[in-house]
C-alpha cells in the first residue's frame, strides 16, 4: 500500500512503555511520522528510530502548545494526531483509508470514538465512552485549542464521524488516575480565579452527585461492572476536589501562634 498524504504527530517524554504500540499501529499508513520529544531519558528515542520517524526536541510547553508545535512541524496535507499511549485499531485504520478514498475532499477532519483499557477490560459505557475525538485534520485548517489540561483539535469545516475506535491506555492502574486529580484540580482553580468565580456550597455538592448519576445510571456505567462503578465514583470525587479548591483558596490562613492557642505564654 502506498502511504497516504498524511503526517502522524506524537509528543513524547519517557514513553518507552507505550510508543512501540502506538507507532506499530500506524506502520505503512502515513508518508511521515513526527515525534516531538521534551527530554526523554529512557528508550523512547531508540524506539522512535526503529520506526523511521522524524525526531525533534522541544522543551515542554504544556500539552496544548506542545501538540500545536508538533502539528506545525508536519509537512503533509493531512495530520493524524496521536498521544503516545494511544493506538489506531484495525477498524479505525479502515475508516481512515475509506476517508481518503471518499470524503477527504469534502471535510476538514474526521473524529473517532476513543475506548479506554482499564482494570483488565475495555470500558464501553459511562463518561469514558465513546469520548469522541477529532484526530484526523487538514493541516492548514487545524489548530489545538481548549484548556491547558483538556486540549482539543479544532477545524472550521465539516467533520466526518467515524466508528472505528481509537484505543487508549491512559491509566495502567488506579494510582495513575489518582495522581492526576490534583493536577487537574489545580488547573481548574486557575481558570475559576481568572473568571472571577466564587465558591458555592450547592455547586460543590450537586456537581459531584450529578457526575455520578450521569456516568453510572444515565450512561449505563453499571454495565462495565466494578470498573464502571470505580470510574463513576472517582470521577465524582475528582469533581468534588476541583470545586473544593476554590473554598480552600479563599480560606487560607497561617495557624495561630502558640500563645494564641494556649491562652498566652506563662
C-alpha atoms as a PDB file:
ATOM      1  CA  UNK A   1       0.000   0.000   0.000  1.00  0.00           C
ATOM      2  CA  UNK A   2       1.273   3.457  -0.881  1.00  0.00           C
ATOM      3  CA  UNK A   3       1.410   5.757   2.148  1.00  0.00           C
ATOM      4  CA  UNK A   4      -1.359   8.328   2.424  1.00  0.00           C
ATOM      5  CA  UNK A   5      -0.656  12.083   2.128  1.00  0.00           C
ATOM      6  CA  UNK A   6      -0.646  12.039   5.900  1.00  0.00           C
ATOM      7  CA  UNK A   7       1.644  13.011   8.771  1.00  0.00           C
ATOM      8  CA  UNK A   8       1.300  11.298  12.143  1.00  0.00           C
ATOM      9  CA  UNK A   9       2.229  13.609  15.034  1.00  0.00           C
ATOM     10  CA  UNK A  10       3.115  12.332  18.521  1.00  0.00           C
ATOM     11  CA  UNK A  11       4.505  14.161  21.553  1.00  0.00           C
ATOM     12  CA  UNK A  12       6.672  12.211  23.982  1.00  0.00           C
ATOM     13  CA  UNK A  13       8.622  12.273  27.191  1.00  0.00           C
ATOM     14  CA  UNK A  14       9.732   8.923  28.623  1.00  0.00           C
ATOM     15  CA  UNK A  15       7.113   6.968  26.677  1.00  0.00           C
ATOM     16  CA  UNK A  16       9.111   3.773  26.116  1.00  0.00           C
ATOM     17  CA  UNK A  17       6.311   1.726  27.672  1.00  0.00           C
ATOM     18  CA  UNK A  18       3.769   2.989  25.130  1.00  0.00           C
ATOM     19  CA  UNK A  19       5.450   4.241  21.977  1.00  0.00           C
ATOM     20  CA  UNK A  20       6.127   0.885  20.283  1.00  0.00           C
ATOM     21  CA  UNK A  21       2.432   0.001  20.344  1.00  0.00           C
ATOM     22  CA  UNK A  22       1.440   3.452  19.077  1.00  0.00           C
ATOM     23  CA  UNK A  23       3.877   3.548  16.146  1.00  0.00           C
ATOM     24  CA  UNK A  24       3.281  -0.074  15.152  1.00  0.00           C
ATOM     25  CA  UNK A  25      -0.424   0.696  14.759  1.00  0.00           C
ATOM     26  CA  UNK A  26       0.263   3.265  12.004  1.00  0.00           C
ATOM     27  CA  UNK A  27       3.064   1.378  10.211  1.00  0.00           C
ATOM     28  CA  UNK A  28       2.817   1.877   6.436  1.00  0.00           C
ATOM     29  CA  UNK A  29      -0.156   4.205   6.751  1.00  0.00           C
ATOM     30  CA  UNK A  30       1.406   7.679   6.588  1.00  0.00           C
ATOM     31  CA  UNK A  31       4.025   9.432   4.487  1.00  0.00           C
ATOM     32  CA  UNK A  32       5.770  10.650   7.649  1.00  0.00           C
ATOM     33  CA  UNK A  33       5.707  10.303  11.412  1.00  0.00           C
ATOM     34  CA  UNK A  34       6.801  13.282  13.505  1.00  0.00           C
ATOM     35  CA  UNK A  35       7.777  12.713  17.148  1.00  0.00           C
ATOM     36  CA  UNK A  36       8.293  15.855  19.214  1.00  0.00           C
ATOM     37  CA  UNK A  37      10.121  14.970  22.420  1.00  0.00           C
ATOM     38  CA  UNK A  38      10.558  17.127  25.505  1.00  0.00           C
ATOM     39  CA  UNK A  39      13.553  15.390  27.071  1.00  0.00           C
ATOM     40  CA  UNK A  40      13.196  11.617  27.320  1.00  0.00           C
ATOM     41  CA  UNK A  41      15.784   9.744  29.368  1.00  0.00           C
ATOM     42  CA  UNK A  42      14.511   6.220  28.636  1.00  0.00           C
ATOM     43  CA  UNK A  43      14.428   4.235  25.361  1.00  0.00           C
ATOM     44  CA  UNK A  44      11.852   6.484  23.692  1.00  0.00           C
ATOM     45  CA  UNK A  45      14.257   7.803  21.042  1.00  0.00           C
ATOM     46  CA  UNK A  46      15.580   4.323  20.210  1.00  0.00           C
ATOM     47  CA  UNK A  47      12.056   3.022  19.674  1.00  0.00           C
ATOM     48  CA  UNK A  48      11.205   6.017  17.504  1.00  0.00           C
ATOM     49  CA  UNK A  49      14.349   5.487  15.403  1.00  0.00           C
ATOM     50  CA  UNK A  50      13.337   1.887  14.652  1.00  0.00           C
ATOM     51  CA  UNK A  51      10.162   3.236  13.054  1.00  0.00           C
ATOM     52  CA  UNK A  52      11.949   5.815  10.905  1.00  0.00           C
ATOM     53  CA  UNK A  53      10.294   8.842  12.465  1.00  0.00           C
ATOM     54  CA  UNK A  54      11.389  12.456  12.135  1.00  0.00           C
ATOM     55  CA  UNK A  55      12.610  13.235  15.654  1.00  0.00           C
ATOM     56  CA  UNK A  56      12.580  16.771  17.066  1.00  0.00           C
ATOM     57  CA  UNK A  57      13.201  18.213  20.514  1.00  0.00           C
ATOM     58  CA  UNK A  58      11.152  20.947  22.166  1.00  0.00           C
ATOM     59  CA  UNK A  59      11.260  21.976  25.811  1.00  0.00           C
ATOM     60  CA  UNK A  60       7.893  21.360  27.426  1.00  0.00           C
ATOM     61  CA  UNK A  61       5.258  23.979  26.569  1.00  0.00           C
ATOM     62  CA  UNK A  62       2.202  22.350  28.153  1.00  0.00           C
ATOM     63  CA  UNK A  63       0.023  19.712  26.467  1.00  0.00           C
ATOM     64  CA  UNK A  64      -1.914  22.026  24.176  1.00  0.00           C
ATOM     65  CA  UNK A  65       1.014  24.147  22.995  1.00  0.00           C
ATOM     66  CA  UNK A  66       3.343  21.151  22.657  1.00  0.00           C
ATOM     67  CA  UNK A  67       0.822  19.459  20.387  1.00  0.00           C
ATOM     68  CA  UNK A  68       0.446  22.656  18.376  1.00  0.00           C
ATOM     69  CA  UNK A  69       4.220  22.743  17.903  1.00  0.00           C
ATOM     70  CA  UNK A  70       4.133  19.133  16.676  1.00  0.00           C
ATOM     71  CA  UNK A  71       1.319  19.985  14.264  1.00  0.00           C
ATOM     72  CA  UNK A  72       3.352  22.845  12.809  1.00  0.00           C
ATOM     73  CA  UNK A  73       6.285  20.504  12.136  1.00  0.00           C
ATOM     74  CA  UNK A  74       4.180  18.288   9.881  1.00  0.00           C
ATOM     75  CA  UNK A  75       4.616  18.568   6.113  1.00  0.00           C
ATOM     76  CA  UNK A  76       1.749  16.567   4.645  1.00  0.00           C
ATOM     77  CA  UNK A  77      -1.697  17.922   3.753  1.00  0.00           C
ATOM     78  CA  UNK A  78      -3.362  15.823   6.462  1.00  0.00           C
ATOM     79  CA  UNK A  79      -2.316  15.096  10.044  1.00  0.00           C
ATOM     80  CA  UNK A  80      -3.298  12.251  12.364  1.00  0.00           C
ATOM     81  CA  UNK A  81      -2.574  13.485  15.895  1.00  0.00           C
ATOM     82  CA  UNK A  82      -1.972  10.728  18.441  1.00  0.00           C
ATOM     83  CA  UNK A  83      -0.892  10.528  22.059  1.00  0.00           C
ATOM     84  CA  UNK A  84       1.898   8.056  22.772  1.00  0.00           C
ATOM     85  CA  UNK A  85      -0.469   5.986  24.927  1.00  0.00           C
ATOM     86  CA  UNK A  86      -2.979   5.601  22.075  1.00  0.00           C
ATOM     87  CA  UNK A  87      -3.277   3.008  19.338  1.00  0.00           C
ATOM     88  CA  UNK A  88      -5.058   3.005  15.988  1.00  0.00           C
ATOM     89  CA  UNK A  89      -7.321  -0.045  15.972  1.00  0.00           C
ATOM     90  CA  UNK A  90      -7.795  -2.108  12.803  1.00  0.00           C
ATOM     91  CA  UNK A  91     -11.337  -0.683  12.463  1.00  0.00           C
ATOM     92  CA  UNK A  92     -10.051   2.890  12.811  1.00  0.00           C
ATOM     93  CA  UNK A  93      -7.352   2.190  10.232  1.00  0.00           C
ATOM     94  CA  UNK A  94     -10.008   1.022   7.761  1.00  0.00           C
ATOM     95  CA  UNK A  95     -12.050   4.172   8.459  1.00  0.00           C
ATOM     96  CA  UNK A  96      -9.007   6.324   7.688  1.00  0.00           C
ATOM     97  CA  UNK A  97      -8.430   4.515   4.385  1.00  0.00           C
ATOM     98  CA  UNK A  98     -12.099   4.885   3.485  1.00  0.00           C
ATOM     99  CA  UNK A  99     -11.974   8.577   4.361  1.00  0.00           C
ATOM    100  CA  UNK A 100      -9.182   9.190   1.864  1.00  0.00           C
ATOM    101  CA  UNK A 101     -10.946   7.137  -0.809  1.00  0.00           C
ATOM    102  CA  UNK A 102     -14.214   9.022  -0.433  1.00  0.00           C
ATOM    103  CA  UNK A 103     -14.698  12.022   1.811  1.00  0.00           C
ATOM    104  CA  UNK A 104     -11.437  13.858   2.312  1.00  0.00           C
ATOM    105  CA  UNK A 105     -12.238  16.446  -0.332  1.00  0.00           C
ATOM    106  CA  UNK A 106     -15.474  17.471   1.432  1.00  0.00           C
ATOM    107  CA  UNK A 107     -14.219  17.574   5.016  1.00  0.00           C
ATOM    108  CA  UNK A 108     -11.666  19.325   7.210  1.00  0.00           C
ATOM    109  CA  UNK A 109     -11.365  16.366   9.553  1.00  0.00           C
ATOM    110  CA  UNK A 110     -12.636  13.090  10.958  1.00  0.00           C
ATOM    111  CA  UNK A 111     -13.471  12.137  14.546  1.00  0.00           C
ATOM    112  CA  UNK A 112     -13.328   8.738  16.232  1.00  0.00           C
ATOM    113  CA  UNK A 113     -14.698   7.218  19.443  1.00  0.00           C
ATOM    114  CA  UNK A 114     -11.935   6.637  21.993  1.00  0.00           C
ATOM    115  CA  UNK A 115     -12.047   3.452  24.071  1.00  0.00           C
ATOM    116  CA  UNK A 116     -10.042   3.050  27.286  1.00  0.00           C
ATOM    117  CA  UNK A 117      -8.453  -0.144  28.639  1.00  0.00           C
ATOM    118  CA  UNK A 118      -8.788  -0.064  32.427  1.00  0.00           C
ATOM    119  CA  UNK A 119      -8.703  -2.674  35.202  1.00  0.00           C
ATOM    120  CA  UNK A 120      -8.395  -5.540  32.728  1.00  0.00           C
ATOM    121  CA  UNK A 121     -11.217  -4.654  30.334  1.00  0.00           C
ATOM    122  CA  UNK A 122     -12.370  -2.241  27.655  1.00  0.00           C
ATOM    123  CA  UNK A 123     -14.651   0.453  29.063  1.00  0.00           C
ATOM    124  CA  UNK A 124     -17.659   0.826  26.740  1.00  0.00           C
ATOM    125  CA  UNK A 125     -20.140   2.868  28.797  1.00  0.00           C
ATOM    126  CA  UNK A 126     -20.325   5.779  31.214  1.00  0.00           C
ATOM    127  CA  UNK A 127     -18.385   9.031  30.869  1.00  0.00           C
ATOM    128  CA  UNK A 128     -15.368   7.333  29.285  1.00  0.00           C
ATOM    129  CA  UNK A 129     -17.057   6.023  26.138  1.00  0.00           C
ATOM    130  CA  UNK A 130     -17.469   6.948  23.361  1.00  0.00           C
ATOM    131  CA  UNK A 131     -15.384  10.060  24.292  1.00  0.00           C
ATOM    132  CA  UNK A 132     -15.284  11.109  20.635  1.00  0.00           C
ATOM    133  CA  UNK A 133     -12.078  12.852  19.496  1.00  0.00           C
ATOM    134  CA  UNK A 134     -11.211  14.840  16.391  1.00  0.00           C
ATOM    135  CA  UNK A 135      -7.803  13.447  15.429  1.00  0.00           C
ATOM    136  CA  UNK A 136      -7.563  13.447  11.617  1.00  0.00           C
ATOM    137  CA  UNK A 137      -7.379  17.015  10.284  1.00  0.00           C
ATOM    138  CA  UNK A 138      -6.440  19.072   7.266  1.00  0.00           C
ATOM    139  CA  UNK A 139      -3.195  20.615   8.480  1.00  0.00           C
ATOM    140  CA  UNK A 140      -3.607  24.165   7.234  1.00  0.00           C
ATOM    141  CA  UNK A 141      -7.120  24.415   8.667  1.00  0.00           C
ATOM    142  CA  UNK A 142      -6.411  22.968  12.112  1.00  0.00           C
ATOM    143  CA  UNK A 143      -5.216  24.250  15.460  1.00  0.00           C
ATOM    144  CA  UNK A 144      -5.026  22.947  19.022  1.00  0.00           C
ATOM    145  CA  UNK A 145      -7.394  24.763  21.382  1.00  0.00           C
ATOM    146  CA  UNK A 146      -9.270  24.028  24.593  1.00  0.00           C
ATOM    147  CA  UNK A 147      -7.878  24.385  28.107  1.00  0.00           C
ATOM    148  CA  UNK A 148      -4.413  23.543  29.386  1.00  0.00           C
ATOM    149  CA  UNK A 149      -5.464  20.144  30.769  1.00  0.00           C
ATOM    150  CA  UNK A 150      -8.252  19.396  28.266  1.00  0.00           C
ATOM    151  CA  UNK A 151      -6.836  20.273  24.868  1.00  0.00           C
ATOM    152  CA  UNK A 152      -8.671  19.550  21.620  1.00  0.00           C
ATOM    153  CA  UNK A 153      -8.156  19.892  17.893  1.00  0.00           C
ATOM    154  CA  UNK A 154     -10.340  22.441  16.137  1.00  0.00           C
ATOM    155  CA  UNK A 155     -11.191  22.931  12.457  1.00  0.00           C
ATOM    156  CA  UNK A 156     -13.702  25.348  10.880  1.00  0.00           C
ATOM    157  CA  UNK A 157     -15.165  22.958   8.306  1.00  0.00           C
ATOM    158  CA  UNK A 158     -17.118  19.704   8.183  1.00  0.00           C
ATOM    159  CA  UNK A 159     -16.013  16.719  10.275  1.00  0.00           C
ATOM    160  CA  UNK A 160     -16.855  13.123   9.388  1.00  0.00           C
ATOM    161  CA  UNK A 161     -17.946  10.938  12.319  1.00  0.00           C
ATOM    162  CA  UNK A 162     -16.224   7.578  12.010  1.00  0.00           C
ATOM    163  CA  UNK A 163     -16.993   4.454  14.031  1.00  0.00           C
ATOM    164  CA  UNK A 164     -13.597   2.768  14.388  1.00  0.00           C
ATOM    165  CA  UNK A 165     -12.245   3.015  17.933  1.00  0.00           C
ATOM    166  CA  UNK A 166      -9.093   4.847  18.934  1.00  0.00           C
ATOM    167  CA  UNK A 167      -7.619   2.706  21.705  1.00  0.00           C
ATOM    168  CA  UNK A 168      -6.389   4.499  24.823  1.00  0.00           C
ATOM    169  CA  UNK A 169      -4.111   3.053  27.514  1.00  0.00           C
ATOM    170  CA  UNK A 170      -4.095   6.126  29.738  1.00  0.00           C
ATOM    171  CA  UNK A 171      -4.371   4.553  33.185  1.00  0.00           C
ATOM    172  CA  UNK A 172      -2.272   1.418  33.769  1.00  0.00           C
ATOM    173  CA  UNK A 173      -3.578   1.358  37.341  1.00  0.00           C
ATOM    174  CA  UNK A 174      -5.757   3.245  39.812  1.00  0.00           C
ATOM    175  CA  UNK A 175      -2.778   5.145  41.214  1.00  0.00           C
ATOM    176  CA  UNK A 176      -2.181   6.862  37.881  1.00  0.00           C
ATOM    177  CA  UNK A 177      -5.736   8.223  37.866  1.00  0.00           C
ATOM    178  CA  UNK A 178      -5.483   9.405  41.477  1.00  0.00           C
ATOM    179  CA  UNK A 179      -2.203  11.199  40.693  1.00  0.00           C
ATOM    180  CA  UNK A 180      -3.932  13.331  38.085  1.00  0.00           C
ATOM    181  CA  UNK A 181      -6.746  14.513  40.348  1.00  0.00           C
ATOM    182  CA  UNK A 182      -4.688  17.268  41.983  1.00  0.00           C
ATOM    183  CA  UNK A 183      -3.073  18.265  38.682  1.00  0.00           C
ATOM    184  CA  UNK A 184      -6.438  18.824  37.022  1.00  0.00           C
ATOM    185  CA  UNK A 185      -7.870  20.468  40.136  1.00  0.00           C
ATOM    186  CA  UNK A 186      -5.023  22.985  40.170  1.00  0.00           C
ATOM    187  CA  UNK A 187      -5.585  23.948  36.535  1.00  0.00           C
ATOM    188  CA  UNK A 188      -9.329  24.221  37.108  1.00  0.00           C
ATOM    189  CA  UNK A 189      -8.735  26.550  40.063  1.00  0.00           C
ATOM    190  CA  UNK A 190      -6.623  28.836  37.861  1.00  0.00           C
ATOM    191  CA  UNK A 191      -9.476  29.134  35.357  1.00  0.00           C
ATOM    192  CA  UNK A 192     -12.011  29.831  38.128  1.00  0.00           C
ATOM    193  CA  UNK A 193      -9.846  32.603  39.558  1.00  0.00           C
ATOM    194  CA  UNK A 194      -9.263  34.139  36.131  1.00  0.00           C
ATOM    195  CA  UNK A 195     -13.030  34.177  35.567  1.00  0.00           C
ATOM    196  CA  UNK A 196     -13.667  35.761  38.981  1.00  0.00           C
ATOM    197  CA  UNK A 197     -15.883  32.902  40.158  1.00  0.00           C
ATOM    198  CA  UNK A 198     -16.934  32.484  43.785  1.00  0.00           C
ATOM    199  CA  UNK A 199     -17.218  29.255  45.732  1.00  0.00           C
ATOM    200  CA  UNK A 200     -20.698  27.757  46.056  1.00  0.00           C
ATOM    201  CA  UNK A 201     -21.655  25.038  48.527  1.00  0.00           C
ATOM    202  CA  UNK A 202     -24.543  23.989  46.299  1.00  0.00           C
ATOM    203  CA  UNK A 203     -22.244  23.504  43.305  1.00  0.00           C
ATOM    204  CA  UNK A 204     -19.661  21.719  45.446  1.00  0.00           C
ATOM    205  CA  UNK A 205     -22.302  19.170  46.483  1.00  0.00           C
ATOM    206  CA  UNK A 206     -24.556  18.965  43.428  1.00  0.00           C
ATOM    207  CA  UNK A 207     -21.984  18.665  40.649  1.00  0.00           C
ATOM    208  CA  UNK A 208     -20.222  15.540  42.029  1.00  0.00           C
ATOM    209  CA  UNK A 209     -23.590  13.867  42.670  1.00  0.00           C
ATOM    210  CA  UNK A 210     -24.719  14.691  39.141  1.00  0.00           C
ATOM    211  CA  UNK A 211     -21.487  13.338  37.629  1.00  0.00           C
ATOM    212  CA  UNK A 212     -22.007  10.017  39.421  1.00  0.00           C
ATOM    213  CA  UNK A 213     -25.651   9.664  38.388  1.00  0.00           C
ATOM    214  CA  UNK A 214     -24.902  10.654  34.808  1.00  0.00           C
ATOM    215  CA  UNK A 215     -21.975   8.250  34.426  1.00  0.00           C
ATOM    216  CA  UNK A 216     -23.266   5.249  36.363  1.00  0.00           C
ATOM    217  CA  UNK A 217     -27.004   5.378  35.704  1.00  0.00           C
ATOM    218  CA  UNK A 218     -27.871   7.532  32.689  1.00  0.00           C
ATOM    219  CA  UNK A 219     -24.850   6.455  30.629  1.00  0.00           C
ATOM    220  CA  UNK A 220     -25.039   2.847  31.874  1.00  0.00           C
ATOM    221  CA  UNK A 221     -21.653   2.714  33.573  1.00  0.00           C
ATOM    222  CA  UNK A 222     -23.007  -0.166  35.677  1.00  0.00           C
ATOM    223  CA  UNK A 223     -22.696  -2.377  32.587  1.00  0.00           C
ATOM    224  CA  UNK A 224     -18.907  -2.171  32.918  1.00  0.00           C
ATOM    225  CA  UNK A 225     -19.013  -3.994  36.263  1.00  0.00           C
ATOM    226  CA  UNK A 226     -16.824  -2.856  39.139  1.00  0.00           C
ATOM    227  CA  UNK A 227     -14.545  -0.804  36.850  1.00  0.00           C
ATOM    228  CA  UNK A 228     -17.638   1.155  35.801  1.00  0.00           C
ATOM    229  CA  UNK A 229     -18.527   1.798  39.445  1.00  0.00           C
ATOM    230  CA  UNK A 230     -14.947   2.823  40.262  1.00  0.00           C
ATOM    231  CA  UNK A 231     -14.826   5.258  37.333  1.00  0.00           C
ATOM    232  CA  UNK A 232     -18.159   6.885  38.221  1.00  0.00           C
ATOM    233  CA  UNK A 233     -17.268   7.180  41.916  1.00  0.00           C
ATOM    234  CA  UNK A 234     -13.756   8.509  41.324  1.00  0.00           C
ATOM    235  CA  UNK A 235     -14.998  10.973  38.700  1.00  0.00           C
ATOM    236  CA  UNK A 236     -17.481  12.297  41.256  1.00  0.00           C
ATOM    237  CA  UNK A 237     -14.689  12.598  43.815  1.00  0.00           C
ATOM    238  CA  UNK A 238     -12.457  14.377  41.302  1.00  0.00           C
ATOM    239  CA  UNK A 239     -15.283  16.858  40.681  1.00  0.00           C
ATOM    240  CA  UNK A 240     -15.683  17.380  44.442  1.00  0.00           C
ATOM    241  CA  UNK A 241     -11.965  18.120  44.815  1.00  0.00           C
ATOM    242  CA  UNK A 242     -11.956  20.536  41.875  1.00  0.00           C
ATOM    243  CA  UNK A 243     -14.775  22.625  43.294  1.00  0.00           C
ATOM    244  CA  UNK A 244     -13.406  22.471  46.845  1.00  0.00           C
ATOM    245  CA  UNK A 245     -10.150  24.098  45.797  1.00  0.00           C
ATOM    246  CA  UNK A 246     -11.874  27.470  45.376  1.00  0.00           C
ATOM    247  CA  UNK A 247     -13.084  27.275  49.008  1.00  0.00           C
ATOM    248  CA  UNK A 248      -9.574  26.402  50.158  1.00  0.00           C
ATOM    249  CA  UNK A 249      -8.131  29.338  48.225  1.00  0.00           C
ATOM    250  CA  UNK A 250     -10.463  31.765  49.989  1.00  0.00           C
ATOM    251  CA  UNK A 251      -9.853  30.381  53.467  1.00  0.00           C
ATOM    252  CA  UNK A 252      -6.098  30.098  53.616  1.00  0.00           C
ATOM    253  CA  UNK A 253      -4.585  31.470  56.840  1.00  0.00           C
ATOM    254  CA  UNK A 254      -1.472  30.914  58.899  1.00  0.00           C
ATOM    255  CA  UNK A 255      -2.005  28.811  62.033  1.00  0.00           C
ATOM    256  CA  UNK A 256      -2.297  30.822  65.258  1.00  0.00           C
ATOM    257  CA  UNK A 257       0.791  31.421  67.356  1.00  0.00           C
ATOM    258  CA  UNK A 258       1.444  29.183  70.347  1.00  0.00           C
ATOM    259  CA  UNK A 259       0.428  31.864  72.850  1.00  0.00           C
ATOM    260  CA  UNK A 260      -2.844  32.454  70.996  1.00  0.00           C
ATOM    261  CA  UNK A 261      -3.652  28.735  71.012  1.00  0.00           C
ATOM    262  CA  UNK A 262      -2.797  28.220  74.661  1.00  0.00           C
ATOM    263  CA  UNK A 263      -4.076  31.462  76.129  1.00  0.00           C
ATOM    264  CA  UNK A 264      -0.745  33.274  76.281  1.00  0.00           C
ATOM    265  CA  UNK A 265       2.742  32.432  77.468  1.00  0.00           C
ATOM    266  CA  UNK A 266       3.346  31.764  81.212  1.00  0.00           C
END
